Amino acid sequence: MKPKKPPAPQTPAGTSHAGARFGPAKHNAWTLGDAYVSLVRQPLRPKPLLIDAAPEPIKIDLRRSALIVVDMQNDFCHPKGWFGQKGVSMKATRKPIPMIARLLPAWRAAGGKVVWLNWGIRADCLNLSPTIAYKGKRWSNGVGYAEHSPEDHGPSIVTGTWGAQVVDELQVEPADITIHKHRLSGFWDNELDTVLRLQGITTLLFAGINTDRCVFSTLQDAAFLGYDCVLLQDACGTPARAYVTRAIHFLVQQLHGFLATADDVLASLS
């Protein structure tokens, strides 16, 4: 027996909901008509941008690209943050700030999306493994994840605290996207992949810290998931030895994507 069609929702006489949109982006949404629901998406018109890169120049589609800014937060980049009070060099972690600050307004003005990929853990650390907990603390009198440094600005990198906030020198705009992560890679135990795919993003440009840790871990996973990856070497930093950075640059060019600079992107945008 053929199932009965459920009754259509009733609307007040004289009203119409035609044109109402349901979805995470204009180009990825259903549209409500007077007599039907349209599942037809509005195509994104490409906006090509040619960038000098290694091992070859690349052309990207700005409308399908996102600038991923990794971990530019107080606990890593402020002298009174978690890392600063541990004795980590702020010279390395603050190095990308001026270049990222230059790139952001030009990138936004051209229509590129900005994603802030930040550590932002649970206060109870229930989803952090023993490995993560140990590497963040190292010894019994150290300061680990969600613990308080001697000069107390709140628990380290807990979502919503001072330490988890982006540094004042970098402006987060309302249209930007913020994703909290709980691993070195931004693609585990959170919604980053889903958000990017629903926005139609296929190309990722990486900036932030640390080049050899969270930046590279996220870039590598992005490549494994099928994203186009571009590492902006002058917009990244790490306190690790120079040969470590050179190795990351080699691996990106050899296996995972392309190596460019924020200056290259700015030159193309201009």
Protein backbone atom coordinates (compact mmCIF):
# COMPACT_ATOMS: atom_id res chain seq x y z
CA MET A 1 0.00 0.00 0.00
CA LYS A 2 1.41 3.39 -1.01
CA PRO A 3 2.14 5.52 2.07
CA LYS A 4 0.13 8.68 2.44
CA LYS A 5 1.85 11.94 1.72
CA PRO A 6 2.18 14.00 4.91
CA PRO A 7 0.21 17.26 4.92
CA ALA A 8 2.11 20.36 3.81
CA PRO A 9 2.93 22.84 6.57
CA GLN A 10 0.26 25.50 6.95
CA THR A 11 1.17 29.18 6.56
CA PRO A 12 -1.03 32.16 7.36
CA ALA A 13 -3.13 33.40 4.45
CA GLY A 14 -1.42 36.01 2.32
CA THR A 15 2.12 35.09 3.44
CA SER A 16 4.89 33.52 1.39
CA HIS A 17 8.19 31.99 2.43
CA ALA A 18 9.51 31.78 -1.14
CA GLY A 19 13.19 32.59 -1.26
CA ALA A 20 13.99 31.46 2.28
CA ARG A 21 17.39 29.77 2.33
CA PHE A 22 18.58 26.80 4.39
CA GLY A 23 22.27 25.94 4.47
CA PRO A 24 25.74 26.94 5.69
CA ALA A 25 26.59 29.14 2.67
CA LYS A 26 24.77 30.92 -0.16
CA HIS A 27 26.22 28.51 -2.69
CA ASN A 28 25.36 25.46 -0.56
CA ALA A 29 21.75 25.88 0.44
CA TRP A 30 18.22 24.74 -0.31
CA THR A 31 15.76 27.45 -1.32
CA LEU A 32 12.09 27.43 -0.39
CA GLY A 33 9.55 28.16 -3.12
CA ASP A 34 5.77 28.58 -2.87
CA ALA A 35 5.16 25.06 -4.15
CA TYR A 36 8.44 23.20 -3.68
CA VAL A 37 11.84 23.07 -2.01
CA SER A 38 14.72 23.59 -4.45
CA LEU A 39 17.79 21.47 -3.80
CA VAL A 40 19.62 23.22 -6.67
CA ARG A 41 22.76 24.97 -5.44
CA GLN A 42 23.91 28.30 -6.84
CA PRO A 43 27.30 27.76 -8.49
CA LEU A 44 30.30 29.74 -7.30
CA ARG A 45 31.87 31.78 -10.06
CA PRO A 46 35.64 31.11 -9.94
CA LYS A 47 38.00 33.94 -9.00
CA PRO A 48 41.48 32.80 -10.14
CA LEU A 49 44.65 34.04 -8.51
CA LEU A 50 48.13 33.21 -9.85
CA ILE A 51 50.77 32.87 -7.12
CA ASP A 52 54.50 32.31 -7.41
CA ALA A 53 55.29 29.10 -5.53
CA ALA A 54 57.63 26.12 -5.38
CA PRO A 55 58.14 23.69 -6.98
CA GLU A 56 55.91 25.46 -9.57
CA PRO A 57 53.70 28.57 -9.69
CA ILE A 58 50.07 27.83 -8.89
CA LYS A 59 46.67 29.25 -9.77
CA ILE A 60 44.06 29.03 -7.02
CA ASP A 61 40.36 29.89 -6.86
CA LEU A 62 39.92 32.57 -4.21
CA ARG A 63 36.27 31.67 -3.74
CA ARG A 64 37.24 28.12 -2.78
CA SER A 65 40.30 29.00 -0.70
CA ALA A 66 40.82 29.63 3.01
CA LEU A 67 43.71 31.11 4.95
CA ILE A 68 44.24 28.84 7.97
CA VAL A 69 45.87 30.77 10.83
CA VAL A 70 47.16 28.30 13.41
CA ASP A 71 47.60 28.93 17.16
CA MET A 72 48.39 32.66 17.21
CA GLN A 73 47.15 32.78 20.80
CA ASN A 74 48.19 34.47 24.04
CA ASP A 75 49.35 31.25 25.67
CA PHE A 76 51.84 30.70 22.84
CA CYS A 77 52.69 34.23 21.69
CA HIS A 78 52.37 36.54 24.71
CA PRO A 79 55.35 36.82 27.11
CA LYS A 80 53.02 36.22 30.06
CA GLY A 81 51.28 33.26 28.47
CA TRP A 82 51.73 29.55 29.13
CA PHE A 83 54.74 29.13 26.79
CA GLY A 84 56.31 32.46 27.75
CA GLN A 85 56.30 31.51 31.41
CA LYS A 86 57.78 28.12 30.50
CA GLY A 87 60.75 29.95 28.98
CA VAL A 88 59.93 29.31 25.30
CA SER A 89 61.38 31.98 23.00
CA MET A 90 58.71 34.48 22.02
CA LYS A 91 60.90 35.66 19.15
CA ALA A 92 59.99 32.56 17.18
CA THR A 93 56.30 32.41 18.06
CA ARG A 94 55.76 36.14 17.51
CA LYS A 95 57.73 36.25 14.25
CA PRO A 96 54.67 35.59 12.00
CA ILE A 97 52.53 38.35 13.56
CA PRO A 98 53.54 41.30 11.32
CA MET A 99 53.24 39.30 8.10
CA ILE A 100 49.88 37.77 9.03
CA ALA A 101 48.63 41.23 10.05
CA ARG A 102 49.58 42.54 6.58
CA LEU A 103 48.02 39.61 4.75
CA LEU A 104 44.66 39.44 6.53
CA PRO A 105 43.01 42.66 5.25
CA ALA A 106 44.15 42.12 1.66
CA TRP A 107 43.02 38.48 1.71
CA ARG A 108 39.60 39.36 3.13
CA ALA A 109 39.13 42.25 0.70
CA ALA A 110 39.74 39.88 -2.21
CA GLY A 111 37.03 37.53 -0.93
CA GLY A 112 39.18 34.85 0.71
CA LYS A 113 37.96 33.18 3.88
CA VAL A 114 39.93 33.28 7.14
CA VAL A 115 39.88 30.32 9.55
CA TRP A 116 41.40 30.70 13.01
CA LEU A 117 42.49 27.23 14.08
CA ASN A 118 43.17 27.49 17.81
CA TRP A 119 43.94 25.18 20.68
CA GLY A 120 40.86 25.25 22.87
CA ILE A 121 40.62 22.29 25.22
CA ARG A 122 38.11 21.08 27.78
CA ALA A 123 38.84 22.29 31.30
CA ASP A 124 38.70 18.68 32.56
CA CYS A 125 41.03 17.36 29.79
CA LEU A 126 38.90 14.24 29.45
CA ASN A 127 39.66 13.88 25.72
CA LEU A 128 43.44 14.34 26.01
CA SER A 129 45.47 11.15 25.90
CA PRO A 130 48.36 10.37 28.29
CA THR A 131 50.82 11.17 25.49
CA ILE A 132 49.38 14.66 25.00
CA ALA A 133 49.18 15.29 28.75
CA TYR A 134 52.79 14.18 29.30
CA LYS A 135 54.25 16.15 26.38
CA GLY A 136 52.48 19.29 27.61
CA LYS A 137 53.89 19.03 31.15
CA ARG A 138 56.97 16.75 31.18
CA TRP A 139 57.61 16.75 34.95
CA SER A 140 55.56 16.70 38.15
CA ASN A 141 56.08 20.38 39.02
CA GLY A 142 55.57 21.58 35.44
CA VAL A 143 52.49 23.42 34.19
CA GLY A 144 50.38 21.29 31.87
CA TYR A 145 47.20 21.66 29.86
CA ALA A 146 44.38 23.43 31.74
CA GLU A 147 46.74 24.22 34.65
CA HIS A 148 47.67 27.62 35.99
CA SER A 149 51.05 29.29 35.40
CA PRO A 150 52.80 31.09 38.30
CA GLU A 151 51.55 34.45 36.99
CA ASP A 152 47.97 33.32 36.73
CA HIS A 153 45.98 34.29 33.62
CA GLY A 154 43.67 31.31 33.87
CA PRO A 155 44.04 27.63 32.91
CA SER A 156 46.27 27.13 29.88
CA ILE A 157 44.50 27.07 26.47
CA VAL A 158 41.05 26.24 27.83
CA THR A 159 38.32 27.46 25.48
CA GLY A 160 37.07 30.92 26.47
CA THR A 161 40.06 31.90 28.62
CA TRP A 162 42.60 34.69 28.07
CA GLY A 163 45.30 32.23 27.06
CA ALA A 164 43.16 30.75 24.28
CA GLN A 165 42.38 34.15 22.75
CA VAL A 166 44.10 35.33 19.57
CA VAL A 167 46.81 37.91 20.32
CA ASP A 168 45.71 41.55 20.24
CA GLU A 169 47.94 42.35 17.26
CA LEU A 170 45.79 40.16 14.99
CA GLN A 171 42.19 41.17 14.41
CA VAL A 172 39.47 38.53 14.28
CA GLU A 173 36.58 39.76 12.12
CA PRO A 174 32.91 38.68 12.49
CA ALA A 175 32.94 36.95 9.10
CA ASP A 176 35.96 34.83 10.05
CA ILE A 177 35.56 31.22 11.14
CA THR A 178 37.01 29.99 14.45
CA ILE A 179 37.67 26.30 15.06
CA HIS A 180 39.00 24.87 18.34
CA LYS A 181 41.33 21.90 18.20
CA HIS A 182 42.53 19.39 20.78
CA ARG A 183 45.41 17.78 18.92
CA LEU A 184 48.47 18.92 16.98
CA SER A 185 46.41 18.33 13.85
CA GLY A 186 43.30 20.45 13.44
CA PHE A 187 41.43 17.60 11.72
CA TRP A 188 40.90 15.34 14.75
CA ASP A 189 38.07 15.35 17.27
CA ASN A 190 36.41 18.51 15.92
CA GLU A 191 34.40 19.95 13.02
CA LEU A 192 37.10 21.52 10.81
CA ASP A 193 36.73 19.14 7.87
CA THR A 194 32.93 19.41 7.85
CA VAL A 195 32.96 23.22 8.02
CA LEU A 196 35.46 23.53 5.17
CA ARG A 197 33.60 21.10 2.91
CA LEU A 198 30.20 22.71 3.51
CA GLN A 199 31.74 26.08 2.62
CA GLY A 200 33.04 24.61 -0.63
CA ILE A 201 36.69 25.11 0.35
CA THR A 202 39.22 23.03 -1.59
CA THR A 203 42.48 25.01 -1.18
CA LEU A 204 44.14 25.82 2.14
CA LEU A 205 46.93 28.36 2.73
CA PHE A 206 48.71 27.85 6.07
CA ALA A 207 50.15 30.46 8.43
CA GLY A 208 50.93 30.49 12.16
CA ILE A 209 52.86 28.35 14.63
CA ASN A 210 54.61 26.06 14.98
CA THR A 211 55.83 25.21 11.48
CA ASP A 212 56.96 21.72 12.46
CA ARG A 213 54.14 20.91 14.87
CA CYS A 214 50.54 22.06 14.55
CA VAL A 215 50.98 23.74 11.16
CA PHE A 216 52.62 20.73 9.54
CA SER A 217 50.42 18.15 11.28
CA THR A 218 47.30 19.93 10.06
CA LEU A 219 48.69 20.48 6.55
CA GLN A 220 49.68 16.85 6.22
CA ASP A 221 46.25 15.62 7.28
CA ALA A 222 44.64 18.15 4.93
CA ALA A 223 46.64 16.70 2.04
CA PHE A 224 45.62 13.17 3.04
CA LEU A 225 41.97 14.32 3.02
CA GLY A 226 42.28 15.71 -0.50
CA TYR A 227 42.73 19.44 0.09
CA ASP A 228 45.17 21.54 -1.96
CA CYS A 229 47.83 22.77 0.49
CA VAL A 230 50.08 25.84 0.37
CA LEU A 231 52.52 26.62 3.18
CA LEU A 232 53.28 30.35 3.55
CA GLN A 233 56.82 30.07 4.87
CA ASP A 234 57.28 33.74 5.88
CA ALA A 235 53.99 33.69 7.82
CA CYS A 236 55.01 30.71 9.99
CA GLY A 237 57.44 30.30 12.88
CA THR A 238 58.91 27.77 15.28
CA PRO A 239 61.53 27.73 18.04
CA ALA A 240 62.94 24.51 16.57
CA ARG A 241 66.35 24.41 14.86
CA ALA A 242 66.55 25.80 11.33
CA TYR A 243 67.18 22.37 9.82
CA VAL A 244 63.78 21.22 11.12
CA THR A 245 62.05 23.99 9.18
CA ARG A 246 64.06 23.14 6.08
CA ALA A 247 62.92 19.53 6.38
CA ILE A 248 59.27 20.60 6.61
CA HIS A 249 59.67 22.80 3.53
CA PHE A 250 61.20 19.87 1.65
CA LEU A 251 58.39 17.50 2.65
CA VAL A 252 55.67 19.99 1.67
CA GLN A 253 57.16 20.52 -1.79
CA GLN A 254 58.00 16.85 -2.28
CA LEU A 255 54.80 15.24 -1.01
CA HIS A 256 52.00 17.43 0.25
CA GLY A 257 51.60 20.61 -1.79
CA PHE A 258 53.37 23.88 -2.47
CA LEU A 259 55.62 26.36 -0.73
CA ALA A 260 54.92 30.08 -1.15
CA THR A 261 55.20 33.28 0.86
CA ALA A 262 52.65 35.76 2.14
CA ASP A 263 54.59 38.34 0.13
CA ASP A 264 53.91 36.26 -3.00
CA VAL A 265 50.18 36.25 -2.18
CA LEU A 266 50.14 40.00 -1.47
CA ALA A 267 51.90 40.67 -4.76
CA SER A 268 49.29 38.64 -6.62
CA LEU A 269 46.40 40.30 -4.79
CA SER A 270 47.72 43.73 -5.65
